[in-house]
Protein backbone atom coordinates (compact mmCIF):
# COMPACT_ATOMS: atom_id res chain seq x y z
CA MET A 1 -4.50 -34.14 -21.81
CA ASN A 2 -1.05 -33.16 -23.07
CA ASN A 3 -2.14 -33.83 -26.67
CA GLN A 4 -5.22 -31.66 -26.24
CA ILE A 5 -3.21 -28.74 -24.87
CA ARG A 6 -0.67 -29.03 -27.66
CA GLU A 7 -3.44 -29.12 -30.27
CA ILE A 8 -4.87 -25.89 -28.86
CA ALA A 9 -1.48 -24.19 -29.05
CA LEU A 10 -0.82 -25.52 -32.55
CA ALA A 11 -4.18 -24.21 -33.74
CA ALA A 12 -3.31 -20.80 -32.31
CA LYS A 13 0.03 -20.91 -34.13
CA ASN A 14 -1.66 -21.83 -37.41
CA ALA A 15 -4.21 -19.01 -37.03
CA LEU A 16 -1.51 -16.42 -36.35
CA PRO A 17 -0.62 -15.55 -39.98
CA VAL A 18 -4.29 -14.88 -40.75
CA LEU A 19 -4.80 -12.58 -37.78
CA ALA A 20 -1.43 -10.86 -38.21
CA ALA A 21 -2.39 -9.96 -41.79
CA ALA A 22 -5.97 -8.95 -40.96
CA SER A 23 -6.99 -5.36 -41.57
CA ALA A 24 -7.82 -3.00 -38.74
CA ALA A 25 -11.42 -2.97 -39.97
CA GLN A 26 -11.72 -6.74 -39.74
CA LYS A 27 -10.21 -6.89 -36.24
CA ASN A 28 -12.48 -4.07 -35.10
CA ALA A 29 -15.49 -5.86 -36.57
CA ALA A 30 -14.63 -8.93 -34.50
CA LEU A 31 -14.38 -6.88 -31.31
CA LEU A 32 -17.65 -5.07 -31.95
CA ALA A 33 -19.42 -8.33 -32.76
CA ALA A 34 -18.04 -9.87 -29.55
CA ALA A 35 -19.27 -6.85 -27.59
CA ASP A 36 -22.75 -7.36 -29.02
CA GLU A 37 -22.59 -11.06 -28.12
CA ILE A 38 -21.69 -10.18 -24.52
CA VAL A 39 -24.67 -7.82 -24.24
CA GLN A 40 -27.05 -10.33 -25.81
CA ASN A 41 -25.79 -13.13 -23.56
CA LYS A 42 -25.66 -11.06 -20.36
CA GLN A 43 -27.99 -13.32 -18.42
CA LYS A 44 -26.11 -16.43 -19.52
CA ILE A 45 -22.86 -14.90 -18.28
CA LEU A 46 -24.41 -13.87 -14.97
CA GLN A 47 -25.87 -17.35 -14.46
CA ALA A 48 -22.43 -18.88 -15.11
CA ASN A 49 -20.93 -16.46 -12.60
CA GLU A 50 -23.53 -17.44 -10.03
CA ARG A 51 -22.56 -21.10 -10.46
CA ASP A 52 -18.93 -20.17 -9.82
CA LEU A 53 -19.79 -18.15 -6.72
CA ARG A 54 -21.92 -20.97 -5.30
CA SER A 55 -19.03 -23.39 -5.66
CA LEU A 56 -16.63 -21.18 -3.70
CA LYS A 57 -15.53 -22.37 -0.30
CA CYS A 58 -16.70 -20.34 2.68
CA SER A 59 -13.06 -19.71 3.58
CA VAL A 60 -12.34 -17.69 0.41
CA PRO A 61 -11.21 -14.19 1.46
CA ALA A 62 -13.64 -11.36 0.78
CA PRO A 63 -11.28 -9.53 -1.63
CA MET A 64 -11.00 -12.64 -3.83
CA ARG A 65 -14.77 -13.09 -3.88
CA GLU A 66 -15.19 -9.42 -4.77
CA ARG A 67 -12.85 -9.86 -7.74
CA MET A 68 -14.96 -12.74 -9.02
CA VAL A 69 -18.38 -11.13 -8.82
CA LEU A 70 -20.07 -10.08 -12.04
CA ASN A 71 -23.20 -7.97 -12.18
CA GLU A 72 -25.08 -6.25 -14.99
CA ALA A 73 -22.93 -3.14 -14.72
CA ARG A 74 -19.68 -5.11 -14.92
CA VAL A 75 -20.86 -7.17 -17.89
CA THR A 76 -21.89 -3.99 -19.68
CA ALA A 77 -18.50 -2.50 -18.84
CA MET A 78 -16.82 -5.51 -20.47
CA ALA A 79 -18.73 -4.91 -23.68
CA ASP A 80 -17.95 -1.19 -23.56
CA GLY A 81 -14.28 -2.05 -23.05
CA LEU A 82 -14.22 -4.06 -26.28
CA LYS A 83 -15.81 -1.14 -28.13
CA LYS A 84 -13.20 1.28 -26.76
CA ILE A 85 -10.36 -0.98 -27.86
CA ALA A 86 -11.92 -1.20 -31.33
CA GLN A 87 -11.75 2.60 -31.53
CA LEU A 88 -8.00 2.73 -30.81
CA PRO A 89 -5.43 3.03 -33.60
CA ASP A 90 -4.14 -0.27 -34.94
CA PRO A 91 -0.67 -0.83 -33.44
CA VAL A 92 0.34 -3.24 -36.23
CA GLY A 93 2.07 -2.00 -39.37
CA GLN A 94 3.23 1.29 -37.91
CA ILE A 95 6.42 2.54 -39.55
CA LEU A 96 8.65 3.57 -36.68
CA LYS A 97 11.58 4.75 -38.75
CA THR A 98 12.78 4.84 -42.37
CA TRP A 99 16.33 5.41 -43.56
CA THR A 100 18.82 4.66 -46.32
CA ALA A 101 21.68 2.32 -45.48
CA PRO A 102 25.27 3.21 -46.46
CA ALA A 103 25.05 0.71 -49.35
CA GLY A 104 22.03 2.52 -50.80
CA PHE A 105 19.08 0.22 -49.98
CA THR A 106 16.17 1.47 -47.85
CA ILE A 107 15.16 0.13 -44.44
CA GLU A 108 11.84 0.42 -42.61
CA LYS A 109 11.35 -0.46 -38.95
CA VAL A 110 7.74 -1.70 -38.76
CA THR A 111 5.59 -2.95 -35.86
CA VAL A 112 4.39 -6.57 -35.93
CA PRO A 113 2.54 -8.84 -33.46
CA LEU A 114 4.47 -10.70 -30.78
CA GLY A 115 2.94 -14.03 -31.83
CA VAL A 116 1.03 -16.60 -29.78
CA LEU A 117 0.31 -15.25 -26.30
CA CYS A 118 -0.83 -17.28 -23.31
CA VAL A 119 -2.64 -15.36 -20.59
CA ILE A 120 -2.85 -17.20 -17.26
CA TYR A 121 -4.99 -15.43 -14.69
CA GLU A 122 -6.88 -15.89 -11.45
CA SER A 123 -10.30 -14.93 -10.14
CA ARG A 124 -11.34 -11.99 -12.33
CA PRO A 125 -13.51 -13.37 -15.17
CA ASN A 126 -13.56 -9.95 -16.91
CA VAL A 127 -9.88 -10.50 -17.74
CA THR A 128 -11.11 -12.99 -20.34
CA ALA A 129 -12.62 -10.18 -22.39
CA ASP A 130 -10.00 -7.51 -21.66
CA ALA A 131 -6.99 -9.69 -22.39
CA ALA A 132 -8.43 -11.30 -25.51
CA ALA A 133 -9.48 -7.95 -26.97
CA LEU A 134 -6.02 -6.43 -26.56
CA CYS A 135 -4.35 -9.52 -28.02
CA LEU A 136 -6.66 -9.66 -31.03
CA LYS A 137 -6.44 -5.94 -31.76
CA SER A 138 -2.62 -6.18 -31.72
CA GLY A 139 -2.70 -9.15 -34.13
CA ASN A 140 -1.72 -11.79 -31.58
CA THR A 141 -3.53 -15.08 -31.19
CA VAL A 142 -4.21 -15.92 -27.55
CA ILE A 143 -4.68 -18.93 -25.29
CA LEU A 144 -6.73 -18.03 -22.21
CA ARG A 145 -6.30 -19.99 -18.98
CA GLY A 146 -8.52 -18.55 -16.28
CA GLY A 147 -8.70 -19.71 -12.69
CA ALA A 148 -10.68 -22.80 -11.76
CA ASP A 149 -12.85 -20.72 -9.41
CA ALA A 150 -14.15 -18.61 -12.34
CA PHE A 151 -14.21 -21.37 -14.94
CA ASN A 152 -17.89 -21.10 -15.91
CA SER A 153 -17.87 -17.30 -16.09
CA SER A 154 -14.73 -17.19 -18.23
CA PHE A 155 -16.03 -19.89 -20.55
CA ALA A 156 -19.30 -18.03 -21.16
CA ILE A 157 -17.37 -14.84 -22.00
CA TRP A 158 -14.98 -16.74 -24.26
CA GLU A 159 -17.92 -18.14 -26.26
CA CYS A 160 -18.91 -14.56 -27.08
CA LEU A 161 -15.38 -13.78 -28.25
CA ARG A 162 -15.32 -16.89 -30.43
CA ASP A 163 -18.66 -15.98 -32.02
CA GLY A 164 -17.43 -12.43 -32.65
CA LEU A 165 -14.40 -13.76 -34.54
CA LYS A 166 -16.61 -16.00 -36.65
CA LYS A 167 -18.93 -13.14 -37.58
CA ALA A 168 -15.94 -11.07 -38.72
CA GLY A 169 -14.62 -13.89 -40.88
CA LEU A 170 -11.59 -14.60 -38.69
CA PRO A 171 -10.60 -18.05 -37.41
CA PRO A 172 -12.18 -18.77 -34.00
CA GLU A 173 -8.84 -20.38 -33.09
CA CYS A 174 -7.43 -16.84 -32.77
CA ALA A 175 -8.80 -16.83 -29.20
CA GLN A 176 -8.92 -20.11 -27.31
CA THR A 177 -9.55 -21.25 -23.80
CA VAL A 178 -8.20 -24.28 -21.96
CA PRO A 179 -11.15 -26.57 -21.09
CA ASP A 180 -9.36 -28.07 -18.10
CA LYS A 181 -9.32 -26.73 -14.54
CA SER A 182 -6.33 -28.76 -13.33
CA ARG A 183 -2.89 -27.49 -12.40
CA GLU A 184 -1.52 -30.11 -14.76
CA ALA A 185 -3.06 -28.23 -17.71
CA VAL A 186 -1.00 -25.17 -16.80
CA GLY A 187 2.07 -27.38 -16.58
CA GLU A 188 1.48 -28.61 -20.11
CA LEU A 189 1.18 -25.05 -21.42
CA LEU A 190 4.48 -24.14 -19.79
CA LYS A 191 6.27 -26.84 -21.80
CA LEU A 192 5.21 -25.45 -25.19
CA ASP A 193 8.09 -23.07 -25.82
CA ASP A 194 8.06 -24.14 -29.49
CA LEU A 195 4.49 -22.86 -29.95
CA ILE A 196 3.89 -20.12 -27.38
CA ASP A 197 5.88 -16.89 -27.71
CA VAL A 198 5.00 -15.00 -24.53
CA ILE A 199 3.21 -15.81 -21.27
CA ILE A 200 1.34 -13.06 -19.47
CA PRO A 201 0.35 -14.02 -15.91
CA ARG A 202 -2.21 -12.10 -13.87
CA GLY A 203 -2.41 -13.43 -10.36
CA GLY A 204 -0.80 -13.72 -6.98
CA LYS A 205 2.81 -14.16 -6.02
CA SER A 206 2.56 -17.96 -5.85
CA LEU A 207 1.35 -18.13 -9.47
CA ILE A 208 4.16 -15.92 -10.75
CA GLU A 209 6.78 -17.86 -8.81
CA ARG A 210 5.50 -21.17 -10.15
CA LEU A 211 5.54 -20.00 -13.76
CA SER A 212 9.02 -18.53 -13.38
CA LYS A 213 10.34 -21.87 -12.18
CA GLU A 214 8.58 -24.12 -14.68
CA THR A 215 8.90 -22.46 -18.07
CA LYS A 216 11.49 -21.15 -20.51
CA ILE A 217 8.87 -19.04 -22.31
CA PRO A 218 9.41 -15.27 -21.88
CA MET A 219 6.99 -13.56 -19.47
CA PHE A 220 5.62 -10.14 -18.64
CA LYS A 221 5.28 -10.34 -14.88
CA HIS A 222 5.09 -8.69 -11.53
CA LEU A 223 5.53 -10.61 -8.32
CA ALA A 224 3.32 -8.36 -6.19
CA GLY A 225 1.95 -4.85 -5.90
CA VAL A 226 3.47 -3.51 -2.69
CA CYS A 227 2.74 0.13 -3.57
CA HIS A 228 3.67 3.15 -1.43
CA THR A 229 2.36 6.67 -0.88
CA PHE A 230 4.82 9.13 0.67
CA VAL A 231 3.48 12.26 2.37
CA GLU A 232 6.33 14.78 2.21
CA LYS A 233 6.79 17.57 4.78
CA ASN A 234 5.32 20.21 2.44
CA ALA A 235 2.14 18.26 1.65
CA ASP A 236 -1.28 19.78 2.04
CA ALA A 237 -2.84 17.69 4.80
CA GLY A 238 -6.32 17.74 3.28
CA MET A 239 -5.06 16.62 -0.12
CA ALA A 240 -2.86 13.96 1.47
CA ALA A 241 -5.75 12.49 3.47
CA LYS A 242 -8.03 12.42 0.41
CA VAL A 243 -5.45 10.83 -1.88
CA VAL A 244 -4.20 8.26 0.64
CA VAL A 245 -7.72 7.07 1.51
CA ASN A 246 -8.50 6.68 -2.20
CA ALA A 247 -5.18 4.95 -2.88
CA LYS A 248 -5.93 2.37 -0.19
CA MET A 249 -9.69 2.07 0.09
CA ARG A 250 -11.25 2.73 -3.36
CA ARG A 251 -10.68 -0.92 -4.25
CA THR A 252 -8.45 -2.75 -1.83
CA SER A 253 -8.23 -5.88 -4.00
CA ILE A 254 -6.32 -4.41 -6.96
CA CYS A 255 -2.55 -4.51 -7.37
CA GLY A 256 -2.34 -0.69 -7.59
CA ALA A 257 -3.75 -0.22 -4.09
CA THR A 258 -1.33 1.44 -1.67
CA GLU A 259 -0.10 -1.02 0.95
CA THR A 260 2.29 1.28 2.83
CA LEU A 261 1.97 4.91 3.91
CA LEU A 262 5.26 6.74 4.48
CA LEU A 263 5.28 9.96 6.53
CA ASP A 264 8.10 12.49 6.36
CA LYS A 265 9.66 12.93 9.81
CA ASN A 266 9.44 16.73 9.28
CA LEU A 267 5.73 16.59 8.37
CA PRO A 268 3.76 18.46 11.08
CA THR A 269 2.36 16.01 13.59
CA GLU A 270 -1.17 17.34 13.13
CA SER A 271 -0.92 16.68 9.39
CA ALA A 272 0.33 13.14 9.93
CA LYS A 273 -2.47 12.54 12.41
CA LYS A 274 -5.06 13.84 9.95
CA VAL A 275 -3.98 11.31 7.33
CA VAL A 276 -3.90 8.37 9.75
CA ASP A 277 -7.25 9.35 11.29
CA ALA A 278 -8.82 9.56 7.83
CA LEU A 279 -7.68 6.01 7.06
CA ILE A 280 -9.05 4.63 10.32
CA ASN A 281 -12.33 6.52 9.91
CA SER A 282 -12.70 4.97 6.44
CA GLY A 283 -12.58 1.48 7.98
CA CYS A 284 -8.91 0.73 7.34
CA GLU A 285 -6.72 -1.12 9.83
CA VAL A 286 -3.43 0.75 10.32
CA ARG A 287 -0.27 -1.06 11.40
CA GLY A 288 2.36 1.47 12.36
CA ASP A 289 5.82 2.03 13.73
CA ALA A 290 6.38 3.62 17.14
CA PHE A 291 5.68 7.15 15.89
CA VAL A 292 2.48 6.28 14.05
CA GLN A 293 1.19 4.43 17.10
CA THR A 294 1.26 7.77 19.01
CA LEU A 295 -1.10 9.36 16.48
CA ASN A 296 -4.17 7.24 17.14
CA PRO A 297 -4.84 4.59 19.82
CA LYS A 298 -6.37 2.28 17.20
CA VAL A 299 -3.06 1.89 15.36
CA LYS A 300 -1.63 -1.60 15.78
CA PRO A 301 2.11 -2.34 15.93
CA ALA A 302 3.68 -3.20 12.58
CA ALA A 303 5.89 -6.29 12.39
CA GLU A 304 8.95 -6.45 10.16
CA THR A 305 7.13 -8.85 7.83
CA ASP A 306 4.30 -6.36 7.32
CA TRP A 307 6.38 -3.90 5.31
CA GLY A 308 6.71 -6.27 2.36
CA THR A 309 3.15 -7.62 2.47
CA GLU A 310 0.57 -7.13 -0.28
CA TYR A 311 -2.66 -7.25 1.74
CA LEU A 312 -5.25 -6.66 -1.02
CA ASP A 313 -7.50 -5.80 1.91
CA ALA A 314 -8.41 -2.86 4.16
CA ILE A 315 -5.05 -2.99 5.95
CA ILE A 316 -2.15 -0.56 5.54
CA ASN A 317 1.31 -0.17 7.03
CA ALA A 318 2.43 3.29 8.10
CA GLY A 319 5.87 4.50 9.11
CA GLN A 320 8.06 7.57 9.42
CA VAL A 321 11.00 8.17 7.07
CA ASP A 322 13.64 10.86 6.65
CA GLY A 323 12.60 12.87 3.62
CA VAL A 324 12.64 11.81 -0.02
CA ALA A 325 15.89 9.89 0.44
CA GLY A 326 14.41 7.90 3.31
CA ALA A 327 11.26 7.15 1.34
CA ALA A 328 13.27 6.00 -1.68
CA ALA A 329 15.42 3.76 0.51
CA HIS A 330 12.37 2.18 2.17
CA ILE A 331 10.71 1.57 -1.19
CA ALA A 332 13.90 0.04 -2.59
CA LYS A 333 14.08 -2.34 0.38
CA TYR A 334 10.46 -3.44 0.66
CA GLY A 335 8.78 -2.50 -2.64
CA THR A 336 8.07 -4.55 -5.74
CA ALA A 337 8.78 -1.86 -8.39
CA HIS A 338 5.08 -1.41 -9.13
CA THR A 339 3.65 2.07 -8.32
CA GLU A 340 4.69 4.76 -5.84
CA SER A 341 3.33 8.26 -5.19
CA ILE A 342 4.53 11.42 -3.42
CA ILE A 343 2.13 13.99 -1.99
CA THR A 344 3.78 17.41 -1.77
CA SER A 345 3.50 21.06 -2.84
CA ASP A 346 7.29 21.23 -3.28
CA ALA A 347 8.03 20.74 -6.99
CA ALA A 348 11.73 20.10 -6.37
CA ALA A 349 10.98 17.35 -3.83
CA ALA A 350 8.50 15.81 -6.25
CA GLU A 351 11.06 15.71 -9.07
CA LYS A 352 13.66 14.20 -6.75
CA PHE A 353 11.20 11.46 -5.80
CA LEU A 354 10.14 10.80 -9.40
CA ASN A 355 13.76 10.54 -10.49
CA SER A 356 15.15 8.52 -7.58
CA VAL A 357 12.42 5.91 -7.08
CA ASP A 358 12.96 3.04 -9.51
CA SER A 359 9.47 1.64 -10.03
CA ALA A 360 7.45 1.07 -13.18
CA VAL A 361 5.13 3.97 -12.33
CA VAL A 362 5.90 6.98 -10.12
CA MET A 363 3.32 9.67 -9.35
CA HIS A 364 3.00 13.15 -7.84
CA ASN A 365 -0.16 14.18 -5.99
CA ALA A 366 -2.16 11.29 -7.43
CA SER A 367 -3.63 8.03 -6.15
CA THR A 368 -1.66 4.87 -6.94
CA GLN A 369 -4.95 3.36 -8.09
CA PHE A 370 -4.54 5.34 -11.32
CA CYS A 371 -1.96 2.74 -12.40
CA ASP A 372 -4.27 1.23 -14.97
CA GLY A 373 -4.18 0.95 -18.74
CA GLY A 374 -7.65 2.47 -19.10
CA GLU A 375 -6.78 5.43 -16.88
CA PHE A 376 -3.56 5.97 -18.83
CA GLY A 377 -5.59 6.28 -22.02
CA PHE A 378 -4.44 2.92 -23.39
CA GLY A 379 -8.00 1.61 -23.74
CA GLY A 380 -7.30 -1.21 -21.29
CA GLU A 381 -4.46 -3.40 -20.14
CA ILE A 382 -3.49 -7.02 -20.07
CA GLY A 383 -1.54 -6.65 -16.84
CA ILE A 384 1.15 -4.61 -15.11
CA SER A 385 4.78 -5.43 -15.82
CA THR A 386 7.41 -4.60 -13.22
CA GLY A 387 10.23 -6.05 -15.29
CA ARG A 388 12.64 -4.07 -17.43
CA LEU A 389 12.60 -5.83 -20.79
CA HIS A 390 10.21 -4.80 -23.57
CA ALA A 391 7.27 -3.68 -21.42
CA ARG A 392 7.01 -1.84 -18.10
CA GLY A 393 3.93 -0.60 -16.28
CA PRO A 394 0.48 -1.14 -17.82
CA VAL A 395 0.79 -3.60 -20.72
CA ALA A 396 -1.54 -2.47 -23.50
CA LEU A 397 -1.63 -2.42 -27.29
CA GLU A 398 1.72 -0.71 -27.84
CA GLN A 399 3.46 -3.21 -25.58
CA LEU A 400 1.94 -6.21 -27.40
CA VAL A 401 3.83 -5.59 -30.62
CA THR A 402 7.48 -5.90 -31.53
CA PHE A 403 9.10 -4.85 -34.79
CA LYS A 404 10.90 -6.12 -37.83
CA TYR A 405 13.03 -4.51 -40.51
CA LYS A 406 11.87 -4.33 -44.12
CA VAL A 407 14.82 -3.91 -46.48
CA ARG A 408 14.25 -2.84 -50.12
CA GLY A 409 17.11 -2.99 -52.55
CA GLU A 410 17.78 -2.89 -56.30
CA GLY A 411 20.06 -5.86 -56.80
CA HIS A 412 22.41 -4.86 -54.00
CA VAL A 413 25.23 -7.28 -53.20
CA ARG A 414 27.63 -6.98 -50.32
CA LYS A 415 31.31 -6.54 -51.12
């Protein structure tokens, strides 16, 4: 198996110069052809997804099953996503800066692909299309390693990507998948620091922790999405209730879902109650501190371990804090630097929150579920990075390139 994995990575490395030099028109043609393949093979993809769903154990949590499900609308959305990415400006070859050095030669700072990317993900088969499209558009070859539970779905989607590359005259090795479901296959990938330039994981905390321990390859990562929404004392109660319910309940299984509601201690009690009642009426379980438990008899006591938990389910923690400073302190203690939001009509309080909370994305009067590359106008994302180096927040086309310097002289020699 180790030879097979290495051969896949080597083929991706060998295909890189071709893709990196490809024109925007050729890369776009590949994406559009892949989109057509997905539409034409919709039933094949759905049948593969059905095989995956049948093989799931009965004990699989509902949010994980929901992430895996494909239907006609979701398959169509995948194809539309490829078309949208094809319409975006090419991030490769952009001249960021030009200047003349003291010695007289000229220098250009120009964007280039990162190299060979390895995307390791769980559950969501649509990531196969989204991740590959962003990698290919940004001139990076990619090795896709989806979860064993969505193996058939991901493989069927990958076949469409491969055929799209062929139709555009690009090497099919530009986008590859690992034909092995075992954990050992991931272990072999993690050893290939001589061939793989960046690993991009999309999955739970255990996956990220494993990769961090087992590889020297650089990673874009986030350990978890423990996101917060803070309702400040000057918040409009109706707006707060609407935004908080959306932030938690629109899709509970995504990493941008709010997991903790923070209530300003000077927020009117009736406003706090309105927000908590709205959550409970929407079908959400609320686990609260002593104050929140007085607002509704259905509130359950929150344990210390709850505050740092990413539920990915219809469960939320709720607690009282002392203003913006208290909210920022709570987030710093229990958060994961993903996405946080403040609901308030006080512009000064909003700016204080946006400036003092150190997360990848901070929001004012908006649902945390807007933390998404598509919603940001990036055309899609390959994941959310909560780190500080190179990329932070939604990782899209602009984050999948680096740069190099082009120096042009006229026989210059250094004294």
